Amino acid sequence: MFVGSLPWSIDDAGLAALFAQAGTVATAQIVKDRETGRSRGFGFVEMSSDEEAQNAVKNLNGTDVEGRKIVVNIARPREDR
């Protein structure tokens, strides 16, 4: 799943903990700037099943995390530019 509009302070472990309430998290990764190592404000989460992923989208999309409403949706393959 794609997770956007994340607070800058959240890390991989925090992202995993947030999504653990929706089911078993397989992986959770914040995307970081190559030069500074700072969060770019979005990340990706993989759940152990499609059902858990759908549940996470339904329950977490639009929720408030540290004053920011996060965006959660099923990730699509990267498009050619």
N, C-alpha and C. Protein backbone atom coordinates (compact mmCIF):
# COMPACT_ATOMS: atom_id res chain seq x y z
N MET A 1 0.83 -1.17 0.00
CA MET A 1 0.00 0.00 0.00
C MET A 1 0.89 1.24 0.00
N PHE A 2 0.40 2.28 -0.61
CA PHE A 2 1.04 3.59 -0.57
C PHE A 2 0.46 4.35 0.63
N VAL A 3 1.35 4.98 1.39
CA VAL A 3 0.91 5.79 2.53
C VAL A 3 1.53 7.18 2.36
N GLY A 4 0.69 8.19 2.18
CA GLY A 4 1.17 9.54 1.94
C GLY A 4 0.77 10.51 3.03
N SER A 5 1.35 11.70 2.96
CA SER A 5 1.08 12.80 3.89
C SER A 5 1.47 12.43 5.32
N LEU A 6 2.56 11.67 5.43
CA LEU A 6 3.05 11.27 6.75
C LEU A 6 3.80 12.41 7.42
N PRO A 7 3.76 12.46 8.76
CA PRO A 7 4.57 13.46 9.47
C PRO A 7 6.06 13.13 9.28
N TRP A 8 6.89 14.16 9.28
CA TRP A 8 8.33 13.96 9.05
C TRP A 8 8.97 13.11 10.14
N SER A 9 8.38 13.11 11.33
CA SER A 9 9.00 12.44 12.47
C SER A 9 8.80 10.93 12.49
N ILE A 10 7.90 10.40 11.70
CA ILE A 10 7.61 8.96 11.74
C ILE A 10 8.72 8.17 11.05
N ASP A 11 9.07 7.02 11.62
CA ASP A 11 10.10 6.16 11.02
C ASP A 11 9.47 4.82 10.64
N ASP A 12 10.30 3.89 10.15
CA ASP A 12 9.79 2.59 9.70
C ASP A 12 9.04 1.86 10.82
N ALA A 13 9.61 1.86 12.02
CA ALA A 13 8.98 1.17 13.16
C ALA A 13 7.65 1.82 13.52
N GLY A 14 7.59 3.14 13.48
CA GLY A 14 6.35 3.85 13.78
C GLY A 14 5.28 3.56 12.76
N LEU A 15 5.69 3.46 11.49
CA LEU A 15 4.75 3.14 10.43
C LEU A 15 4.20 1.72 10.61
N ALA A 16 5.10 0.79 10.94
CA ALA A 16 4.67 -0.59 11.17
C ALA A 16 3.71 -0.67 12.35
N ALA A 17 4.00 0.07 13.42
CA ALA A 17 3.13 0.06 14.60
C ALA A 17 1.75 0.62 14.28
N LEU A 18 1.71 1.66 13.45
CA LEU A 18 0.44 2.26 13.06
C LEU A 18 -0.43 1.26 12.30
N PHE A 19 0.18 0.51 11.40
CA PHE A 19 -0.57 -0.43 10.57
C PHE A 19 -0.82 -1.77 11.26
N ALA A 20 -0.13 -2.05 12.36
CA ALA A 20 -0.32 -3.31 13.08
C ALA A 20 -1.74 -3.42 13.62
N GLN A 21 -2.40 -2.27 13.84
CA GLN A 21 -3.78 -2.32 14.34
C GLN A 21 -4.75 -2.86 13.28
N ALA A 22 -4.32 -2.91 12.02
CA ALA A 22 -5.17 -3.42 10.95
C ALA A 22 -4.85 -4.87 10.59
N GLY A 23 -3.78 -5.42 11.16
CA GLY A 23 -3.38 -6.79 10.84
C GLY A 23 -1.88 -6.97 10.93
N THR A 24 -1.40 -8.06 10.36
CA THR A 24 0.03 -8.39 10.41
C THR A 24 0.78 -7.64 9.32
N VAL A 25 1.77 -6.85 9.73
CA VAL A 25 2.57 -6.07 8.79
C VAL A 25 3.76 -6.91 8.33
N ALA A 26 3.88 -7.11 7.01
CA ALA A 26 5.02 -7.84 6.46
C ALA A 26 6.24 -6.91 6.36
N THR A 27 6.05 -5.74 5.77
CA THR A 27 7.11 -4.74 5.68
C THR A 27 6.51 -3.35 5.77
N ALA A 28 7.31 -2.42 6.28
CA ALA A 28 6.90 -1.01 6.35
C ALA A 28 8.16 -0.18 6.13
N GLN A 29 8.12 0.68 5.12
CA GLN A 29 9.32 1.45 4.78
C GLN A 29 8.96 2.88 4.42
N ILE A 30 9.61 3.82 5.09
CA ILE A 30 9.49 5.23 4.78
C ILE A 30 10.48 5.54 3.66
N VAL A 31 10.07 6.29 2.66
CA VAL A 31 10.97 6.69 1.57
C VAL A 31 11.75 7.91 2.05
N LYS A 32 13.09 7.83 1.91
CA LYS A 32 13.95 8.90 2.39
C LYS A 32 14.71 9.56 1.25
N ASP A 33 15.02 10.84 1.44
CA ASP A 33 15.81 11.59 0.48
C ASP A 33 17.21 10.99 0.42
N ARG A 34 17.74 10.78 -0.77
CA ARG A 34 19.07 10.15 -0.93
C ARG A 34 20.18 11.00 -0.33
N GLU A 35 20.09 12.30 -0.47
CA GLU A 35 21.17 13.17 -0.02
C GLU A 35 21.12 13.48 1.47
N THR A 36 19.94 13.75 2.00
CA THR A 36 19.83 14.18 3.40
C THR A 36 19.45 13.04 4.35
N GLY A 37 18.85 11.98 3.82
CA GLY A 37 18.38 10.89 4.66
C GLY A 37 17.08 11.21 5.39
N ARG A 38 16.52 12.38 5.11
CA ARG A 38 15.27 12.81 5.75
C ARG A 38 14.07 12.19 5.05
N SER A 39 13.03 11.93 5.80
CA SER A 39 11.79 11.37 5.25
C SER A 39 11.24 12.28 4.16
N ARG A 40 10.68 11.67 3.13
CA ARG A 40 10.04 12.44 2.06
C ARG A 40 8.54 12.55 2.29
N GLY A 41 8.06 12.03 3.42
CA GLY A 41 6.65 12.19 3.77
C GLY A 41 5.72 11.11 3.23
N PHE A 42 6.29 10.05 2.67
CA PHE A 42 5.45 8.95 2.23
C PHE A 42 6.21 7.64 2.38
N GLY A 43 5.49 6.55 2.29
CA GLY A 43 6.11 5.24 2.42
C GLY A 43 5.22 4.15 1.86
N PHE A 44 5.66 2.92 2.07
CA PHE A 44 4.94 1.77 1.57
C PHE A 44 4.84 0.72 2.66
N VAL A 45 3.68 0.06 2.73
CA VAL A 45 3.44 -0.99 3.72
C VAL A 45 2.90 -2.21 2.99
N GLU A 46 3.42 -3.38 3.36
CA GLU A 46 2.88 -4.64 2.85
C GLU A 46 2.27 -5.38 4.03
N MET A 47 1.06 -5.83 3.86
CA MET A 47 0.37 -6.62 4.88
C MET A 47 0.49 -8.09 4.50
N SER A 48 0.22 -8.97 5.45
CA SER A 48 0.38 -10.41 5.18
C SER A 48 -0.71 -10.98 4.28
N SER A 49 -1.84 -10.26 4.11
CA SER A 49 -2.89 -10.75 3.21
C SER A 49 -3.59 -9.57 2.55
N ASP A 50 -4.24 -9.86 1.44
CA ASP A 50 -5.00 -8.82 0.73
C ASP A 50 -6.17 -8.32 1.59
N GLU A 51 -6.76 -9.22 2.34
CA GLU A 51 -7.88 -8.84 3.20
C GLU A 51 -7.43 -7.82 4.25
N GLU A 52 -6.27 -8.05 4.85
CA GLU A 52 -5.74 -7.10 5.84
C GLU A 52 -5.39 -5.77 5.19
N ALA A 53 -4.88 -5.82 3.97
CA ALA A 53 -4.55 -4.58 3.25
C ALA A 53 -5.81 -3.77 2.98
N GLN A 54 -6.87 -4.42 2.53
CA GLN A 54 -8.14 -3.72 2.29
C GLN A 54 -8.70 -3.13 3.59
N ASN A 55 -8.55 -3.88 4.67
CA ASN A 55 -9.00 -3.41 5.98
C ASN A 55 -8.21 -2.17 6.41
N ALA A 56 -6.91 -2.18 6.16
CA ALA A 56 -6.06 -1.04 6.51
C ALA A 56 -6.45 0.19 5.71
N VAL A 57 -6.71 0.04 4.42
CA VAL A 57 -7.14 1.17 3.59
C VAL A 57 -8.45 1.74 4.14
N LYS A 58 -9.39 0.86 4.42
CA LYS A 58 -10.70 1.29 4.90
C LYS A 58 -10.62 2.01 6.25
N ASN A 59 -9.81 1.47 7.16
CA ASN A 59 -9.77 2.00 8.52
C ASN A 59 -8.76 3.12 8.75
N LEU A 60 -7.71 3.20 7.95
CA LEU A 60 -6.65 4.17 8.23
C LEU A 60 -6.61 5.36 7.27
N ASN A 61 -7.20 5.23 6.09
CA ASN A 61 -7.19 6.35 5.14
C ASN A 61 -7.94 7.54 5.75
N GLY A 62 -7.28 8.68 5.79
CA GLY A 62 -7.89 9.89 6.32
C GLY A 62 -7.76 10.07 7.82
N THR A 63 -7.11 9.12 8.50
CA THR A 63 -6.95 9.26 9.95
C THR A 63 -5.86 10.28 10.27
N ASP A 64 -5.94 10.83 11.48
CA ASP A 64 -5.01 11.84 11.92
C ASP A 64 -3.80 11.20 12.59
N VAL A 65 -2.60 11.50 12.07
CA VAL A 65 -1.35 11.03 12.67
C VAL A 65 -0.49 12.26 12.92
N GLU A 66 -0.31 12.59 14.19
CA GLU A 66 0.49 13.75 14.59
C GLU A 66 0.05 15.02 13.86
N GLY A 67 -1.27 15.20 13.75
CA GLY A 67 -1.81 16.42 13.16
C GLY A 67 -1.92 16.42 11.65
N ARG A 68 -1.61 15.30 11.01
CA ARG A 68 -1.73 15.21 9.54
C ARG A 68 -2.69 14.09 9.18
N LYS A 69 -3.55 14.35 8.21
CA LYS A 69 -4.47 13.32 7.72
C LYS A 69 -3.72 12.50 6.67
N ILE A 70 -3.48 11.23 6.99
CA ILE A 70 -2.71 10.39 6.07
C ILE A 70 -3.60 9.87 4.94
N VAL A 71 -2.95 9.53 3.84
CA VAL A 71 -3.61 8.95 2.67
C VAL A 71 -3.11 7.52 2.55
N VAL A 72 -4.04 6.57 2.50
CA VAL A 72 -3.68 5.16 2.37
C VAL A 72 -4.46 4.59 1.20
N ASN A 73 -3.74 4.01 0.23
CA ASN A 73 -4.42 3.33 -0.87
C ASN A 73 -3.54 2.22 -1.41
N ILE A 74 -4.12 1.36 -2.20
CA ILE A 74 -3.39 0.24 -2.79
C ILE A 74 -2.41 0.83 -3.82
N ALA A 75 -1.14 0.46 -3.68
CA ALA A 75 -0.10 1.00 -4.57
C ALA A 75 -0.27 0.45 -5.98
N ARG A 76 -0.01 1.32 -6.94
CA ARG A 76 -0.05 0.93 -8.36
C ARG A 76 1.38 0.88 -8.87
N PRO A 77 1.64 0.08 -9.90
CA PRO A 77 3.00 0.06 -10.47
C PRO A 77 3.40 1.44 -10.96
N ARG A 78 4.68 1.72 -10.87
CA ARG A 78 5.19 3.02 -11.31
C ARG A 78 4.97 3.18 -12.81
N GLU A 79 4.48 4.34 -13.20
CA GLU A 79 4.21 4.62 -14.61
C GLU A 79 5.46 5.16 -15.29
N ASP A 80 5.63 4.82 -16.57
CA ASP A 80 6.74 5.38 -17.34
C ASP A 80 6.51 6.86 -17.56
N ARG A 81 7.58 7.62 -17.50
CA ARG A 81 7.45 9.06 -17.70
C ARG A 81 7.73 9.45 -19.11
